[in-house]
PDB file of all heavy atoms in Angstrom:
ATOM      1  N   GLY A   1       5.648   3.937   3.541  1.00  0.00           N
ATOM      2  CA  GLY A   1       6.784   4.809   3.294  1.00  0.00           C
ATOM      3  C   GLY A   1       7.015   5.183   1.871  1.00  0.00           C
ATOM      4  O   GLY A   1       6.186   5.755   1.188  1.00  0.00           O
ATOM      5  N   ALA A   2       8.252   4.804   1.400  1.00  0.00           N
ATOM      6  CA  ALA A   2       8.685   5.224   0.072  1.00  0.00           C
ATOM      7  C   ALA A   2       7.809   4.659  -1.011  1.00  0.00           C
ATOM      8  O   ALA A   2       7.614   5.277  -2.049  1.00  0.00           O
ATOM      9  CB  ALA A   2      10.138   4.774  -0.150  1.00  0.00           C
ATOM     10  N   ALA A   3       7.235   3.465  -0.816  1.00  0.00           N
ATOM     11  CA  ALA A   3       6.375   2.881  -1.848  1.00  0.00           C
ATOM     12  C   ALA A   3       5.173   3.758  -2.092  1.00  0.00           C
ATOM     13  O   ALA A   3       4.745   3.964  -3.223  1.00  0.00           O
ATOM     14  CB  ALA A   3       5.949   1.473  -1.415  1.00  0.00           C
ATOM     15  N   ALA A   4       4.597   4.303  -1.034  1.00  0.00           N
ATOM     16  CA  ALA A   4       3.452   5.198  -1.189  1.00  0.00           C
ATOM     17  C   ALA A   4       3.855   6.469  -1.898  1.00  0.00           C
ATOM     18  O   ALA A   4       3.114   7.013  -2.702  1.00  0.00           O
ATOM     19  CB  ALA A   4       2.852   5.515   0.179  1.00  0.00           C
ATOM     20  N   ALA A   5       5.051   6.962  -1.622  1.00  0.00           N
ATOM     21  CA  ALA A   5       5.491   8.199  -2.254  1.00  0.00           C
ATOM     22  C   ALA A   5       5.675   8.024  -3.743  1.00  0.00           C
ATOM     23  O   ALA A   5       5.572   8.979  -4.502  1.00  0.00           O
ATOM     24  CB  ALA A   5       6.820   8.648  -1.613  1.00  0.00           C
ATOM     25  N   ASN A   6       5.973   6.811  -4.172  1.00  0.00           N
ATOM     26  CA  ASN A   6       6.158   6.550  -5.595  1.00  0.00           C
ATOM     27  C   ASN A   6       4.860   6.232  -6.307  1.00  0.00           C
ATOM     28  O   ASN A   6       4.856   5.918  -7.484  1.00  0.00           O
ATOM     29  CB  ASN A   6       7.140   5.378  -5.780  1.00  0.00           C
ATOM     30  CG  ASN A   6       8.531   5.750  -5.310  1.00  0.00           C
ATOM     31  OD1 ASN A   6       8.910   6.910  -5.388  1.00  0.00           O
ATOM     32  ND2 ASN A   6       9.286   4.761  -4.825  1.00  0.00           N
ATOM     33  N   ALA A   7       3.745   6.273  -5.593  1.00  0.00           N
ATOM     34  CA  ALA A   7       2.470   5.880  -6.192  1.00  0.00           C
ATOM     35  C   ALA A   7       1.824   7.009  -6.966  1.00  0.00           C
ATOM     36  O   ALA A   7       0.729   6.874  -7.458  1.00  0.00           O
ATOM     37  CB  ALA A   7       1.511   5.385  -5.107  1.00  0.00           C
ATOM     38  N   GLY A   8       2.491   8.179  -7.035  1.00  0.00           N
ATOM     39  CA  GLY A   8       1.979   9.285  -7.842  1.00  0.00           C
ATOM     40  C   GLY A   8       0.644   9.777  -7.353  1.00  0.00           C
ATOM     41  O   GLY A   8       0.461  10.102  -6.198  1.00  0.00           O
ATOM     42  N   GLU A   9      -0.331   9.814  -8.251  1.00  0.00           N
ATOM     43  CA  GLU A   9      -1.639  10.351  -7.907  1.00  0.00           C
ATOM     44  C   GLU A   9      -2.355   9.481  -6.892  1.00  0.00           C
ATOM     45  O   GLU A   9      -3.372   9.885  -6.336  1.00  0.00           O
ATOM     46  CB  GLU A   9      -2.487  10.492  -9.174  1.00  0.00           C
ATOM     47  CG  GLU A   9      -1.927  11.509 -10.155  1.00  0.00           C
ATOM     48  CD  GLU A   9      -2.780  11.629 -11.388  1.00  0.00           C
ATOM     49  OE1 GLU A   9      -3.756  10.865 -11.492  1.00  0.00           O
ATOM     50  OE2 GLU A   9      -2.486  12.470 -12.249  1.00  0.00           O
ATOM     51  N   GLY A  10      -1.853   8.248  -6.683  1.00  0.00           N
ATOM     52  CA  GLY A  10      -2.518   7.375  -5.734  1.00  0.00           C
ATOM     53  C   GLY A  10      -2.167   7.661  -4.290  1.00  0.00           C
ATOM     54  O   GLY A  10      -2.708   7.024  -3.397  1.00  0.00           O
ATOM     55  N   VAL A  11      -1.241   8.628  -4.014  1.00  0.00           N
ATOM     56  CA  VAL A  11      -0.876   8.937  -2.626  1.00  0.00           C
ATOM     57  C   VAL A  11      -2.062   9.575  -1.918  1.00  0.00           C
ATOM     58  O   VAL A  11      -2.687  10.490  -2.456  1.00  0.00           O
ATOM     59  CB  VAL A  11       0.329   9.905  -2.594  1.00  0.00           C
ATOM     60  CG1 VAL A  11       0.646  10.314  -1.168  1.00  0.00           C
ATOM     61  CG2 VAL A  11       1.545   9.259  -3.241  1.00  0.00           C
ATOM     62  N   PRO A  12      -2.435   9.097  -0.718  1.00  0.00           N
ATOM     63  CA  PRO A  12      -3.572   9.695   0.001  1.00  0.00           C
ATOM     64  C   PRO A  12      -3.337  11.176   0.237  1.00  0.00           C
ATOM     65  O   PRO A  12      -2.241  11.602   0.545  1.00  0.00           O
ATOM     66  CB  PRO A  12      -3.596   8.918   1.329  1.00  0.00           C
ATOM     67  CG  PRO A  12      -2.831   7.663   1.072  1.00  0.00           C
ATOM     68  CD  PRO A  12      -1.819   8.002   0.026  1.00  0.00           C
ATOM     69  N   GLN A  13      -4.354  11.959   0.081  1.00  0.00           N
ATOM     70  CA  GLN A  13      -4.254  13.402   0.257  1.00  0.00           C
ATOM     71  C   GLN A  13      -4.418  13.801   1.719  1.00  0.00           C
ATOM     72  O   GLN A  13      -5.159  13.182   2.473  1.00  0.00           O
ATOM     73  CB  GLN A  13      -5.326  14.101  -0.597  1.00  0.00           C
ATOM     74  CG  GLN A  13      -5.162  13.852  -2.090  1.00  0.00           C
ATOM     75  CD  GLN A  13      -3.826  14.352  -2.596  1.00  0.00           C
ATOM     76  OE1 GLN A  13      -3.510  15.524  -2.407  1.00  0.00           O
ATOM     77  NE2 GLN A  13      -3.052  13.478  -3.204  1.00  0.00           N
ATOM     78  N   ILE A  14      -3.665  14.852   2.140  1.00  0.00           N
ATOM     79  CA  ILE A  14      -3.751  15.362   3.513  1.00  0.00           C
ATOM     80  C   ILE A  14      -4.630  16.594   3.518  1.00  0.00           C
ATOM     81  O   ILE A  14      -4.549  17.438   2.634  1.00  0.00           O
ATOM     82  CB  ILE A  14      -2.345  15.722   4.039  1.00  0.00           C
ATOM     83  CG1 ILE A  14      -1.463  14.472   4.058  1.00  0.00           C
ATOM     84  CG2 ILE A  14      -2.414  16.343   5.415  1.00  0.00           C
ATOM     85  CD1 ILE A  14      -0.032  14.745   4.440  1.00  0.00           C
ATOM     86  N   ASP A  15      -5.487  16.685   4.501  1.00  0.00           N
ATOM     87  CA  ASP A  15      -6.346  17.861   4.645  1.00  0.00           C
ATOM     88  C   ASP A  15      -5.539  18.958   5.339  1.00  0.00           C
ATOM     89  O   ASP A  15      -5.403  18.992   6.547  1.00  0.00           O
ATOM     90  CB  ASP A  15      -7.587  17.501   5.462  1.00  0.00           C
ATOM     91  CG  ASP A  15      -8.588  18.641   5.478  1.00  0.00           C
ATOM     92  OD1 ASP A  15      -8.233  19.755   5.019  1.00  0.00           O
ATOM     93  OD2 ASP A  15      -9.706  18.435   5.947  1.00  0.00           O
ATOM     94  N   PHE A  16      -4.947  19.872   4.546  1.00  0.00           N
ATOM     95  CA  PHE A  16      -4.090  20.909   5.111  1.00  0.00           C
ATOM     96  C   PHE A  16      -4.850  21.880   5.995  1.00  0.00           C
ATOM     97  O   PHE A  16      -4.254  22.584   6.806  1.00  0.00           O
ATOM     98  CB  PHE A  16      -3.380  21.664   3.974  1.00  0.00           C
ATOM     99  CG  PHE A  16      -2.321  20.846   3.290  1.00  0.00           C
ATOM    100  CD1 PHE A  16      -2.623  20.164   2.125  1.00  0.00           C
ATOM    101  CD2 PHE A  16      -1.053  20.742   3.816  1.00  0.00           C
ATOM    102  CE1 PHE A  16      -1.660  19.393   1.489  1.00  0.00           C
ATOM    103  CE2 PHE A  16      -0.094  19.982   3.171  1.00  0.00           C
ATOM    104  CZ  PHE A  16      -0.389  19.301   2.013  1.00  0.00           C
ATOM    105  N   ASP A  17      -6.153  21.937   5.849  1.00  0.00           N
ATOM    106  CA  ASP A  17      -6.935  22.839   6.692  1.00  0.00           C
ATOM    107  C   ASP A  17      -6.890  22.414   8.149  1.00  0.00           C
ATOM    108  O   ASP A  17      -7.159  23.215   9.053  1.00  0.00           O
ATOM    109  CB  ASP A  17      -8.393  22.874   6.219  1.00  0.00           C
ATOM    110  CG  ASP A  17      -8.518  23.524   4.858  1.00  0.00           C
ATOM    111  OD1 ASP A  17      -7.608  24.320   4.513  1.00  0.00           O
ATOM    112  OD2 ASP A  17      -9.494  23.236   4.151  1.00  0.00           O
ATOM    113  N   LEU A  18      -6.548  21.137   8.420  1.00  0.00           N
ATOM    114  CA  LEU A  18      -6.521  20.640   9.794  1.00  0.00           C
ATOM    115  C   LEU A  18      -5.163  20.843  10.456  1.00  0.00           C
ATOM    116  O   LEU A  18      -5.003  20.566  11.638  1.00  0.00           O
ATOM    117  CB  LEU A  18      -6.874  19.140   9.814  1.00  0.00           C
ATOM    118  CG  LEU A  18      -8.253  18.783   9.249  1.00  0.00           C
ATOM    119  CD1 LEU A  18      -8.441  17.279   9.284  1.00  0.00           C
ATOM    120  CD2 LEU A  18      -9.352  19.493  10.033  1.00  0.00           C
ATOM    121  N   LEU A  19      -4.156  21.316   9.703  1.00  0.00           N
ATOM    122  CA  LEU A  19      -2.815  21.490  10.255  1.00  0.00           C
ATOM    123  C   LEU A  19      -2.607  22.922  10.712  1.00  0.00           C
ATOM    124  O   LEU A  19      -3.115  23.860  10.111  1.00  0.00           O
ATOM    125  CB  LEU A  19      -1.763  21.144   9.192  1.00  0.00           C
ATOM    126  CG  LEU A  19      -1.806  19.693   8.663  1.00  0.00           C
ATOM    127  CD1 LEU A  19      -0.707  19.520   7.631  1.00  0.00           C
ATOM    128  CD2 LEU A  19      -1.651  18.699   9.786  1.00  0.00           C
ATOM    129  N   THR A  20      -1.833  23.070  11.779  1.00  0.00           N
ATOM    130  CA  THR A  20      -1.497  24.412  12.254  1.00  0.00           C
ATOM    131  C   THR A  20      -0.407  24.986  11.364  1.00  0.00           C
ATOM    132  O   THR A  20       0.626  24.352  11.159  1.00  0.00           O
ATOM    133  CB  THR A  20      -0.979  24.353  13.700  1.00  0.00           C
ATOM    134  OG1 THR A  20      -1.978  23.751  14.508  1.00  0.00           O
ATOM    135  CG2 THR A  20      -0.636  25.741  14.223  1.00  0.00           C
ATOM    136  N   PRO A  21      -0.607  26.180  10.787  1.00  0.00           N
ATOM    137  CA  PRO A  21       0.410  26.755   9.897  1.00  0.00           C
ATOM    138  C   PRO A  21       1.724  26.969  10.632  1.00  0.00           C
ATOM    139  O   PRO A  21       1.745  27.300  11.818  1.00  0.00           O
ATOM    140  CB  PRO A  21      -0.214  28.089   9.463  1.00  0.00           C
ATOM    141  CG  PRO A  21      -1.674  27.942   9.739  1.00  0.00           C
ATOM    142  CD  PRO A  21      -1.777  27.028  10.915  1.00  0.00           C
ATOM    143  N   ASP A  22       2.855  26.762   9.936  1.00  0.00           N
ATOM    144  CA  ASP A  22       4.168  27.030  10.528  1.00  0.00           C
ATOM    145  C   ASP A  22       4.341  28.522  10.722  1.00  0.00           C
ATOM    146  O   ASP A  22       3.900  29.339   9.909  1.00  0.00           O
ATOM    147  CB  ASP A  22       5.287  26.524   9.597  1.00  0.00           C
ATOM    148  CG  ASP A  22       5.311  25.009   9.540  1.00  0.00           C
ATOM    149  OD1 ASP A  22       4.859  24.386  10.510  1.00  0.00           O
ATOM    150  OD2 ASP A  22       5.792  24.465   8.533  1.00  0.00           O
ATOM    151  N   ASN A  23       5.027  28.880  11.809  1.00  0.00           N
ATOM    152  CA  ASN A  23       5.359  30.280  12.067  1.00  0.00           C
ATOM    153  C   ASN A  23       6.692  30.573  11.392  1.00  0.00           C
ATOM    154  O   ASN A  23       7.717  30.030  11.793  1.00  0.00           O
ATOM    155  CB  ASN A  23       5.462  30.510  13.578  1.00  0.00           C
ATOM    156  CG  ASN A  23       5.823  31.947  13.910  1.00  0.00           C
ATOM    157  OD1 ASN A  23       6.048  32.764  13.022  1.00  0.00           O
ATOM    158  ND2 ASN A  23       5.899  32.240  15.195  1.00  0.00           N
ATOM    159  N   PRO A  24       6.705  31.424  10.359  1.00  0.00           N
ATOM    160  CA  PRO A  24       7.968  31.669   9.651  1.00  0.00           C
ATOM    161  C   PRO A  24       9.008  32.359  10.509  1.00  0.00           C
ATOM    162  O   PRO A  24      10.179  32.385  10.165  1.00  0.00           O
ATOM    163  CB  PRO A  24       7.539  32.568   8.472  1.00  0.00           C
ATOM    164  CG  PRO A  24       6.282  33.217   8.940  1.00  0.00           C
ATOM    165  CD  PRO A  24       5.595  32.207   9.813  1.00  0.00           C
ATOM    166  N   LEU A  25       8.610  32.923  11.660  1.00  0.00           N
ATOM    167  CA  LEU A  25       9.544  33.609  12.549  1.00  0.00           C
ATOM    168  C   LEU A  25      10.027  32.709  13.679  1.00  0.00           C
ATOM    169  O   LEU A  25      10.851  33.109  14.492  1.00  0.00           O
ATOM    170  CB  LEU A  25       8.888  34.854  13.148  1.00  0.00           C
ATOM    171  CG  LEU A  25       8.395  35.893  12.130  1.00  0.00           C
ATOM    172  CD1 LEU A  25       7.751  37.064  12.854  1.00  0.00           C
ATOM    173  CD2 LEU A  25       9.549  36.371  11.260  1.00  0.00           C
ATOM    174  N   ALA A  26       9.504  31.484  13.747  1.00  0.00           N
ATOM    175  CA  ALA A  26       9.862  30.591  14.844  1.00  0.00           C
ATOM    176  C   ALA A  26      11.290  30.082  14.675  1.00  0.00           C
ATOM    177  O   ALA A  26      11.790  29.934  13.561  1.00  0.00           O
ATOM    178  CB  ALA A  26       8.896  29.409  14.900  1.00  0.00           C
ATOM    179  N   THR A  27      11.960  29.835  15.813  1.00  0.00           N
ATOM    180  CA  THR A  27      13.314  29.282  15.795  1.00  0.00           C
ATOM    181  C   THR A  27      13.232  27.769  15.689  1.00  0.00           C
ATOM    182  O   THR A  27      12.550  27.129  16.490  1.00  0.00           O
ATOM    183  CB  THR A  27      14.062  29.663  17.086  1.00  0.00           C
ATOM    184  OG1 THR A  27      14.083  31.082  17.193  1.00  0.00           O
ATOM    185  CG2 THR A  27      15.486  29.114  17.062  1.00  0.00           C
ATOM    186  N   PRO A  28      13.904  27.168  14.711  1.00  0.00           N
ATOM    187  CA  PRO A  28      13.860  25.705  14.596  1.00  0.00           C
ATOM    188  C   PRO A  28      14.406  25.040  15.850  1.00  0.00           C
ATOM    189  O   PRO A  28      15.352  25.523  16.470  1.00  0.00           O
ATOM    190  CB  PRO A  28      14.761  25.417  13.382  1.00  0.00           C
ATOM    191  CG  PRO A  28      14.846  26.712  12.655  1.00  0.00           C
ATOM    192  CD  PRO A  28      14.722  27.787  13.684  1.00  0.00           C
ATOM    193  N   VAL A  29      13.798  23.945  16.226  1.00  0.00           N
ATOM    194  CA  VAL A  29      14.226  23.189  17.397  1.00  0.00           C
ATOM    195  C   VAL A  29      14.778  21.852  16.931  1.00  0.00           C
ATOM    196  O   VAL A  29      14.107  21.116  16.210  1.00  0.00           O
ATOM    197  CB  VAL A  29      13.055  22.962  18.372  1.00  0.00           C
ATOM    198  CG1 VAL A  29      13.513  22.121  19.563  1.00  0.00           C
ATOM    199  CG2 VAL A  29      12.484  24.290  18.830  1.00  0.00           C
ATOM    200  N   ALA A  30      16.009  21.555  17.320  1.00  0.00           N
ATOM    201  CA  ALA A  30      16.620  20.286  16.936  1.00  0.00           C
ATOM    202  C   ALA A  30      15.980  19.159  17.725  1.00  0.00           C
ATOM    203  O   ALA A  30      15.797  19.257  18.938  1.00  0.00           O
ATOM    204  CB  ALA A  30      18.119  20.321  17.210  1.00  0.00           C
ATOM    205  N   ILE A  31      15.598  18.110  17.049  1.00  0.00           N
ATOM    206  CA  ILE A  31      14.971  16.956  17.686  1.00  0.00           C
ATOM    207  C   ILE A  31      15.874  15.753  17.508  1.00  0.00           C
ATOM    208  O   ILE A  31      16.302  15.440  16.407  1.00  0.00           O
ATOM    209  CB  ILE A  31      13.590  16.670  17.064  1.00  0.00           C
ATOM    210  CG1 ILE A  31      12.674  17.888  17.257  1.00  0.00           C
ATOM    211  CG2 ILE A  31      12.960  15.424  17.682  1.00  0.00           C
ATOM    212  CD1 ILE A  31      11.342  17.747  16.590  1.00  0.00           C
ATOM    213  N   ASP A  32      16.200  15.084  18.615  1.00  0.00           N
ATOM    214  CA  ASP A  32      17.036  13.895  18.521  1.00  0.00           C
ATOM    215  C   ASP A  32      16.297  12.798  17.787  1.00  0.00           C
ATOM    216  O   ASP A  32      15.124  12.554  18.052  1.00  0.00           O
ATOM    217  CB  ASP A  32      17.405  13.382  19.924  1.00  0.00           C
ATOM    218  CG  ASP A  32      18.368  14.325  20.622  1.00  0.00           C
ATOM    219  OD1 ASP A  32      19.065  15.071  19.915  1.00  0.00           O
ATOM    220  OD2 ASP A  32      18.415  14.313  21.856  1.00  0.00           O
ATOM    221  N   PRO A  33      16.957  12.122  16.856  1.00  0.00           N
ATOM    222  CA  PRO A  33      16.286  11.011  16.168  1.00  0.00           C
ATOM    223  C   PRO A  33      15.969   9.887  17.137  1.00  0.00           C
ATOM    224  O   PRO A  33      16.742   9.591  18.046  1.00  0.00           O
ATOM    225  CB  PRO A  33      17.322  10.577  15.127  1.00  0.00           C
ATOM    226  CG  PRO A  33      18.625  11.072  15.658  1.00  0.00           C
ATOM    227  CD  PRO A  33      18.318  12.332  16.404  1.00  0.00           C
ATOM    228  N   ILE A  34      14.822   9.265  16.941  1.00  0.00           N
ATOM    229  CA  ILE A  34      14.388   8.203  17.841  1.00  0.00           C
ATOM    230  C   ILE A  34      15.367   7.039  17.804  1.00  0.00           C
ATOM    231  O   ILE A  34      15.670   6.424  18.819  1.00  0.00           O
ATOM    232  CB  ILE A  34      12.975   7.718  17.453  1.00  0.00           C
ATOM    233  CG1 ILE A  34      11.969   8.849  17.679  1.00  0.00           C
ATOM    234  CG2 ILE A  34      12.580   6.483  18.240  1.00  0.00           C
ATOM    235  CD1 ILE A  34      10.575   8.519  17.224  1.00  0.00           C
ATOM    236  N   ASP A  35      15.898   6.761  16.636  1.00  0.00           N
ATOM    237  CA  ASP A  35      16.753   5.594  16.472  1.00  0.00           C
ATOM    238  C   ASP A  35      18.239   5.939  16.501  1.00  0.00           C
ATOM    239  O   ASP A  35      19.047   5.244  15.918  1.00  0.00           O
ATOM    240  CB  ASP A  35      16.429   4.884  15.152  1.00  0.00           C
ATOM    241  CG  ASP A  35      15.005   4.335  15.152  1.00  0.00           C
ATOM    242  OD1 ASP A  35      14.548   3.925  16.223  1.00  0.00           O
ATOM    243  OD2 ASP A  35      14.382   4.325  14.086  1.00  0.00           O
ATOM    244  N   LYS A  36      18.613   7.058  17.171  1.00  0.00           N
ATOM    245  CA  LYS A  36      20.029   7.398  17.225  1.00  0.00           C
ATOM    246  C   LYS A  36      20.784   6.350  18.031  1.00  0.00           C
ATOM    247  O   LYS A  36      20.226   5.710  18.922  1.00  0.00           O
ATOM    248  CB  LYS A  36      20.221   8.782  17.845  1.00  0.00           C
ATOM    249  CG  LYS A  36      19.946   8.864  19.335  1.00  0.00           C
ATOM    250  CD  LYS A  36      20.240  10.256  19.847  1.00  0.00           C
ATOM    251  CE  LYS A  36      19.968  10.363  21.346  1.00  0.00           C
ATOM    252  NZ  LYS A  36      20.275  11.700  21.857  1.00  0.00           N
ATOM    253  N   PRO A  37      22.065   6.147  17.715  1.00  0.00           N
ATOM    254  CA  PRO A  37      22.828   5.102  18.400  1.00  0.00           C
ATOM    255  C   PRO A  37      22.907   5.355  19.909  1.00  0.00           C
ATOM    256  O   PRO A  37      23.026   6.491  20.360  1.00  0.00           O
ATOM    257  CB  PRO A  37      24.219   5.207  17.755  1.00  0.00           C
ATOM    258  CG  PRO A  37      23.993   5.914  16.463  1.00  0.00           C
ATOM    259  CD  PRO A  37      22.821   6.828  16.682  1.00  0.00           C
ATOM    260  N   THR A  38      22.822   4.313  20.688  1.00  0.00           N
ATOM    261  CA  THR A  38      22.957   4.417  22.135  1.00  0.00           C
ATOM    262  C   THR A  38      24.431   4.407  22.487  1.00  0.00           C
ATOM    263  O   THR A  38      25.166   3.521  22.037  1.00  0.00           O
ATOM    264  CB  THR A  38      22.268   3.226  22.837  1.00  0.00           C
ATOM    265  OG1 THR A  38      20.895   3.225  22.464  1.00  0.00           O
ATOM    266  CG2 THR A  38      22.397   3.336  24.353  1.00  0.00           C
ATOM    267  N   PRO A  39      24.911   5.413  23.273  1.00  0.00           N
ATOM    268  CA  PRO A  39      26.333   5.443  23.620  1.00  0.00           C
ATOM    269  C   PRO A  39      26.742   4.164  24.345  1.00  0.00           C
ATOM    270  O   PRO A  39      25.985   3.623  25.154  1.00  0.00           O
ATOM    271  CB  PRO A  39      26.442   6.659  24.550  1.00  0.00           C
ATOM    272  CG  PRO A  39      25.223   7.484  24.260  1.00  0.00           C
ATOM    273  CD  PRO A  39      24.162   6.526  23.849  1.00  0.00           C
TER     274      PRO A  39
END
């Protein structure tokens, strides 16, 4: 997590060529957090 983010240049690089580009015209979809409180 956060420790890796603070590692600067040592953070592993992601191959962006393997990701599907976001559609700038797409409507955002709200996603319930996995750890949301149980009623």
